Amino acid sequence: MFTFFDHTADLGIRIEAATLNELFADAGRALTATLLDESATVTPAISETVAIAGGEVDYLFFDWLRELLLRFETRKMLYCGFEVVVRKLG
């Protein structure tokens, strides 16, 4: 679950999730909601795998959102459904 709040930066997003996988999925949905006025109207057309490697969870989280934003900006891809599996390496 995510909510938006006023912040001195561009936007504040509060995300609450029971698991790390849900946190990443909700963050992806929140990003989509910031890019569109009507994110609920987006329907899946294709399925893609996005793989991000990293050691620390906070950097992995940042890289996850950065990758989704990069795909939106360069390939015009907008994601609406997320099945996330975060695995620790090693």
N, C-alpha and C. Protein backbone atom coordinates (compact mmCIF):
# COMPACT_ATOMS: atom_id res chain seq x y z
N MET A 1 0.84 -1.16 0.00
CA MET A 1 0.00 0.00 0.00
C MET A 1 0.90 1.24 0.00
N PHE A 2 0.52 2.21 -0.78
CA PHE A 2 1.29 3.44 -0.81
C PHE A 2 0.36 4.64 -0.76
N THR A 3 0.91 5.72 -0.21
CA THR A 3 0.19 6.99 -0.16
C THR A 3 1.18 8.11 -0.50
N PHE A 4 0.65 9.17 -1.05
CA PHE A 4 1.46 10.34 -1.37
C PHE A 4 1.27 11.38 -0.28
N PHE A 5 2.30 12.18 -0.04
CA PHE A 5 2.20 13.26 0.92
C PHE A 5 3.03 14.44 0.45
N ASP A 6 2.70 15.62 0.95
CA ASP A 6 3.44 16.82 0.60
C ASP A 6 4.86 16.73 1.15
N HIS A 7 5.81 17.16 0.35
CA HIS A 7 7.22 17.10 0.74
C HIS A 7 7.94 18.26 0.07
N THR A 8 9.05 18.70 0.64
CA THR A 8 9.81 19.80 0.05
C THR A 8 10.47 19.37 -1.26
N ALA A 9 10.66 18.08 -1.45
CA ALA A 9 11.15 17.58 -2.74
C ALA A 9 9.97 17.57 -3.70
N ASP A 10 10.12 16.98 -4.84
CA ASP A 10 9.04 16.92 -5.82
C ASP A 10 7.81 16.18 -5.28
N LEU A 11 8.05 15.10 -4.55
CA LEU A 11 6.94 14.24 -4.14
C LEU A 11 7.37 13.37 -2.97
N GLY A 12 6.46 13.11 -2.06
CA GLY A 12 6.72 12.17 -0.97
C GLY A 12 5.82 10.96 -1.14
N ILE A 13 6.39 9.78 -0.98
CA ILE A 13 5.61 8.54 -1.08
C ILE A 13 5.90 7.71 0.16
N ARG A 14 4.85 7.28 0.83
CA ARG A 14 4.97 6.39 1.98
C ARG A 14 4.47 5.02 1.54
N ILE A 15 5.33 4.01 1.70
CA ILE A 15 4.97 2.65 1.30
C ILE A 15 5.02 1.75 2.52
N GLU A 16 3.96 0.99 2.73
CA GLU A 16 3.90 0.01 3.81
C GLU A 16 3.67 -1.36 3.19
N ALA A 17 4.51 -2.31 3.56
CA ALA A 17 4.39 -3.65 3.01
C ALA A 17 4.83 -4.67 4.05
N ALA A 18 4.23 -5.85 3.98
CA ALA A 18 4.54 -6.90 4.95
C ALA A 18 5.86 -7.60 4.63
N THR A 19 6.25 -7.60 3.35
CA THR A 19 7.48 -8.29 2.95
C THR A 19 8.30 -7.39 2.03
N LEU A 20 9.55 -7.75 1.87
CA LEU A 20 10.43 -7.01 0.97
C LEU A 20 9.93 -7.09 -0.47
N ASN A 21 9.45 -8.26 -0.89
CA ASN A 21 8.91 -8.42 -2.24
C ASN A 21 7.73 -7.48 -2.48
N GLU A 22 6.83 -7.40 -1.50
CA GLU A 22 5.68 -6.51 -1.62
C GLU A 22 6.10 -5.04 -1.62
N LEU A 23 7.14 -4.72 -0.86
CA LEU A 23 7.64 -3.35 -0.84
C LEU A 23 8.11 -2.93 -2.23
N PHE A 24 8.88 -3.78 -2.88
CA PHE A 24 9.38 -3.47 -4.22
C PHE A 24 8.22 -3.38 -5.22
N ALA A 25 7.25 -4.29 -5.12
CA ALA A 25 6.10 -4.27 -6.03
C ALA A 25 5.28 -3.00 -5.83
N ASP A 26 5.01 -2.64 -4.58
CA ASP A 26 4.24 -1.42 -4.30
C ASP A 26 4.98 -0.17 -4.75
N ALA A 27 6.29 -0.19 -4.63
CA ALA A 27 7.08 0.96 -5.11
C ALA A 27 6.96 1.09 -6.62
N GLY A 28 6.94 -0.03 -7.33
CA GLY A 28 6.74 0.01 -8.78
C GLY A 28 5.38 0.57 -9.14
N ARG A 29 4.35 0.15 -8.42
CA ARG A 29 3.00 0.67 -8.65
C ARG A 29 2.93 2.17 -8.33
N ALA A 30 3.60 2.58 -7.26
CA ALA A 30 3.61 4.01 -6.90
C ALA A 30 4.30 4.83 -7.98
N LEU A 31 5.38 4.31 -8.53
CA LEU A 31 6.07 5.02 -9.61
C LEU A 31 5.14 5.17 -10.81
N THR A 32 4.43 4.11 -11.17
CA THR A 32 3.47 4.19 -12.27
C THR A 32 2.41 5.24 -11.99
N ALA A 33 1.93 5.27 -10.76
CA ALA A 33 0.89 6.25 -10.40
C ALA A 33 1.40 7.68 -10.51
N THR A 34 2.70 7.90 -10.29
CA THR A 34 3.23 9.26 -10.42
C THR A 34 3.39 9.67 -11.87
N LEU A 35 3.52 8.69 -12.76
CA LEU A 35 3.73 8.98 -14.18
C LEU A 35 2.42 9.19 -14.93
N LEU A 36 1.32 8.70 -14.39
CA LEU A 36 0.01 8.80 -15.03
C LEU A 36 -1.03 9.35 -14.07
N ASP A 37 -1.98 10.06 -14.60
CA ASP A 37 -3.10 10.50 -13.78
C ASP A 37 -4.04 9.35 -13.47
N GLU A 38 -4.15 8.43 -14.40
CA GLU A 38 -5.09 7.32 -14.27
C GLU A 38 -4.36 5.99 -14.34
N SER A 39 -3.51 5.68 -13.36
CA SER A 39 -2.73 4.45 -13.42
C SER A 39 -3.61 3.20 -13.36
N ALA A 40 -4.80 3.31 -12.82
CA ALA A 40 -5.69 2.15 -12.75
C ALA A 40 -6.19 1.73 -14.13
N THR A 41 -6.08 2.60 -15.13
CA THR A 41 -6.55 2.26 -16.47
C THR A 41 -5.50 1.54 -17.30
N VAL A 42 -4.29 1.37 -16.78
CA VAL A 42 -3.23 0.67 -17.51
C VAL A 42 -3.48 -0.82 -17.39
N THR A 43 -3.46 -1.50 -18.53
CA THR A 43 -3.63 -2.95 -18.53
C THR A 43 -2.39 -3.60 -19.14
N PRO A 44 -2.00 -4.77 -18.64
CA PRO A 44 -0.80 -5.43 -19.16
C PRO A 44 -0.97 -5.88 -20.60
N ALA A 45 0.05 -5.62 -21.41
CA ALA A 45 0.05 -6.06 -22.81
C ALA A 45 1.11 -7.14 -23.03
N ILE A 46 2.21 -7.05 -22.32
CA ILE A 46 3.28 -8.04 -22.43
C ILE A 46 3.84 -8.30 -21.04
N SER A 47 4.63 -9.36 -20.94
CA SER A 47 5.30 -9.68 -19.69
C SER A 47 6.80 -9.59 -19.92
N GLU A 48 7.49 -8.95 -19.00
CA GLU A 48 8.94 -8.82 -19.08
C GLU A 48 9.55 -9.17 -17.73
N THR A 49 10.79 -9.62 -17.78
CA THR A 49 11.56 -9.84 -16.57
C THR A 49 12.57 -8.72 -16.43
N VAL A 50 12.59 -8.14 -15.25
CA VAL A 50 13.57 -7.09 -14.94
C VAL A 50 14.46 -7.66 -13.85
N ALA A 51 15.73 -7.84 -14.16
CA ALA A 51 16.67 -8.40 -13.19
C ALA A 51 17.67 -7.32 -12.80
N ILE A 52 17.78 -7.08 -11.50
CA ILE A 52 18.71 -6.10 -10.97
C ILE A 52 19.59 -6.83 -9.96
N ALA A 53 20.90 -6.67 -10.09
CA ALA A 53 21.83 -7.30 -9.15
C ALA A 53 22.38 -6.24 -8.21
N GLY A 54 22.50 -6.62 -6.97
CA GLY A 54 23.06 -5.70 -5.99
C GLY A 54 23.25 -6.40 -4.66
N GLY A 55 24.05 -5.82 -3.83
CA GLY A 55 24.34 -6.43 -2.54
C GLY A 55 23.50 -5.87 -1.41
N GLU A 56 23.36 -4.55 -1.35
CA GLU A 56 22.63 -3.91 -0.27
C GLU A 56 21.21 -3.57 -0.72
N VAL A 57 20.25 -3.85 0.14
CA VAL A 57 18.84 -3.71 -0.22
C VAL A 57 18.48 -2.27 -0.56
N ASP A 58 19.02 -1.28 0.16
CA ASP A 58 18.65 0.10 -0.14
C ASP A 58 19.14 0.52 -1.53
N TYR A 59 20.33 0.08 -1.93
CA TYR A 59 20.82 0.38 -3.28
C TYR A 59 20.04 -0.40 -4.33
N LEU A 60 19.68 -1.63 -4.01
CA LEU A 60 18.88 -2.45 -4.91
C LEU A 60 17.52 -1.80 -5.16
N PHE A 61 16.93 -1.27 -4.11
CA PHE A 61 15.64 -0.58 -4.21
C PHE A 61 15.74 0.63 -5.13
N PHE A 62 16.78 1.43 -4.93
CA PHE A 62 17.02 2.59 -5.78
C PHE A 62 17.22 2.17 -7.24
N ASP A 63 18.04 1.15 -7.47
CA ASP A 63 18.30 0.67 -8.83
C ASP A 63 17.05 0.11 -9.49
N TRP A 64 16.18 -0.53 -8.71
CA TRP A 64 14.91 -1.07 -9.22
C TRP A 64 14.04 0.06 -9.79
N LEU A 65 13.87 1.11 -9.00
CA LEU A 65 13.04 2.23 -9.46
C LEU A 65 13.71 2.98 -10.61
N ARG A 66 15.01 3.10 -10.55
CA ARG A 66 15.74 3.77 -11.63
C ARG A 66 15.59 3.00 -12.94
N GLU A 67 15.64 1.67 -12.87
CA GLU A 67 15.48 0.84 -14.08
C GLU A 67 14.08 0.99 -14.66
N LEU A 68 13.06 0.98 -13.82
CA LEU A 68 11.68 1.17 -14.31
C LEU A 68 11.52 2.53 -14.97
N LEU A 69 12.08 3.56 -14.35
CA LEU A 69 12.00 4.91 -14.91
C LEU A 69 12.78 5.01 -16.22
N LEU A 70 13.93 4.39 -16.29
CA LEU A 70 14.74 4.38 -17.51
C LEU A 70 13.97 3.72 -18.66
N ARG A 71 13.34 2.59 -18.37
CA ARG A 71 12.55 1.91 -19.41
C ARG A 71 11.37 2.76 -19.87
N PHE A 72 10.78 3.50 -18.95
CA PHE A 72 9.69 4.40 -19.32
C PHE A 72 10.20 5.51 -20.24
N GLU A 73 11.33 6.10 -19.88
CA GLU A 73 11.85 7.24 -20.64
C GLU A 73 12.45 6.84 -21.97
N THR A 74 13.11 5.71 -22.05
CA THR A 74 13.80 5.32 -23.29
C THR A 74 12.99 4.41 -24.19
N ARG A 75 12.16 3.56 -23.62
CA ARG A 75 11.40 2.59 -24.43
C ARG A 75 9.90 2.80 -24.38
N LYS A 76 9.48 3.83 -23.62
CA LYS A 76 8.04 4.13 -23.45
C LYS A 76 7.28 2.96 -22.84
N MET A 77 7.97 2.20 -21.99
CA MET A 77 7.35 1.07 -21.29
C MET A 77 6.80 1.56 -19.96
N LEU A 78 5.58 1.19 -19.67
CA LEU A 78 4.94 1.54 -18.42
C LEU A 78 4.43 0.25 -17.79
N TYR A 79 4.82 -0.01 -16.59
CA TYR A 79 4.50 -1.28 -15.93
C TYR A 79 3.36 -1.10 -14.95
N CYS A 80 2.46 -2.08 -14.91
CA CYS A 80 1.30 -1.95 -14.03
C CYS A 80 1.13 -3.15 -13.11
N GLY A 81 1.70 -4.27 -13.45
CA GLY A 81 1.61 -5.47 -12.61
C GLY A 81 3.00 -5.93 -12.23
N PHE A 82 3.17 -6.28 -10.98
CA PHE A 82 4.50 -6.65 -10.51
C PHE A 82 4.46 -7.93 -9.70
N GLU A 83 5.32 -8.85 -10.07
CA GLU A 83 5.57 -10.05 -9.28
C GLU A 83 7.06 -10.01 -8.97
N VAL A 84 7.41 -9.63 -7.77
CA VAL A 84 8.80 -9.35 -7.42
C VAL A 84 9.33 -10.46 -6.50
N VAL A 85 10.56 -10.87 -6.80
CA VAL A 85 11.27 -11.81 -5.95
C VAL A 85 12.65 -11.21 -5.70
N VAL A 86 12.89 -10.85 -4.44
CA VAL A 86 14.19 -10.31 -4.04
C VAL A 86 14.97 -11.43 -3.39
N ARG A 87 16.14 -11.71 -3.95
CA ARG A 87 16.99 -12.78 -3.42
C ARG A 87 18.33 -12.21 -3.01
N LYS A 88 18.84 -12.66 -1.90
CA LYS A 88 20.18 -12.26 -1.48
C LYS A 88 21.20 -13.11 -2.23
N LEU A 89 22.23 -12.42 -2.73
CA LEU A 89 23.31 -13.12 -3.42
C LEU A 89 24.30 -13.66 -2.39
N GLY A 90 24.82 -14.83 -2.71
CA GLY A 90 25.88 -15.40 -1.87
C GLY A 90 25.34 -16.15 -0.77
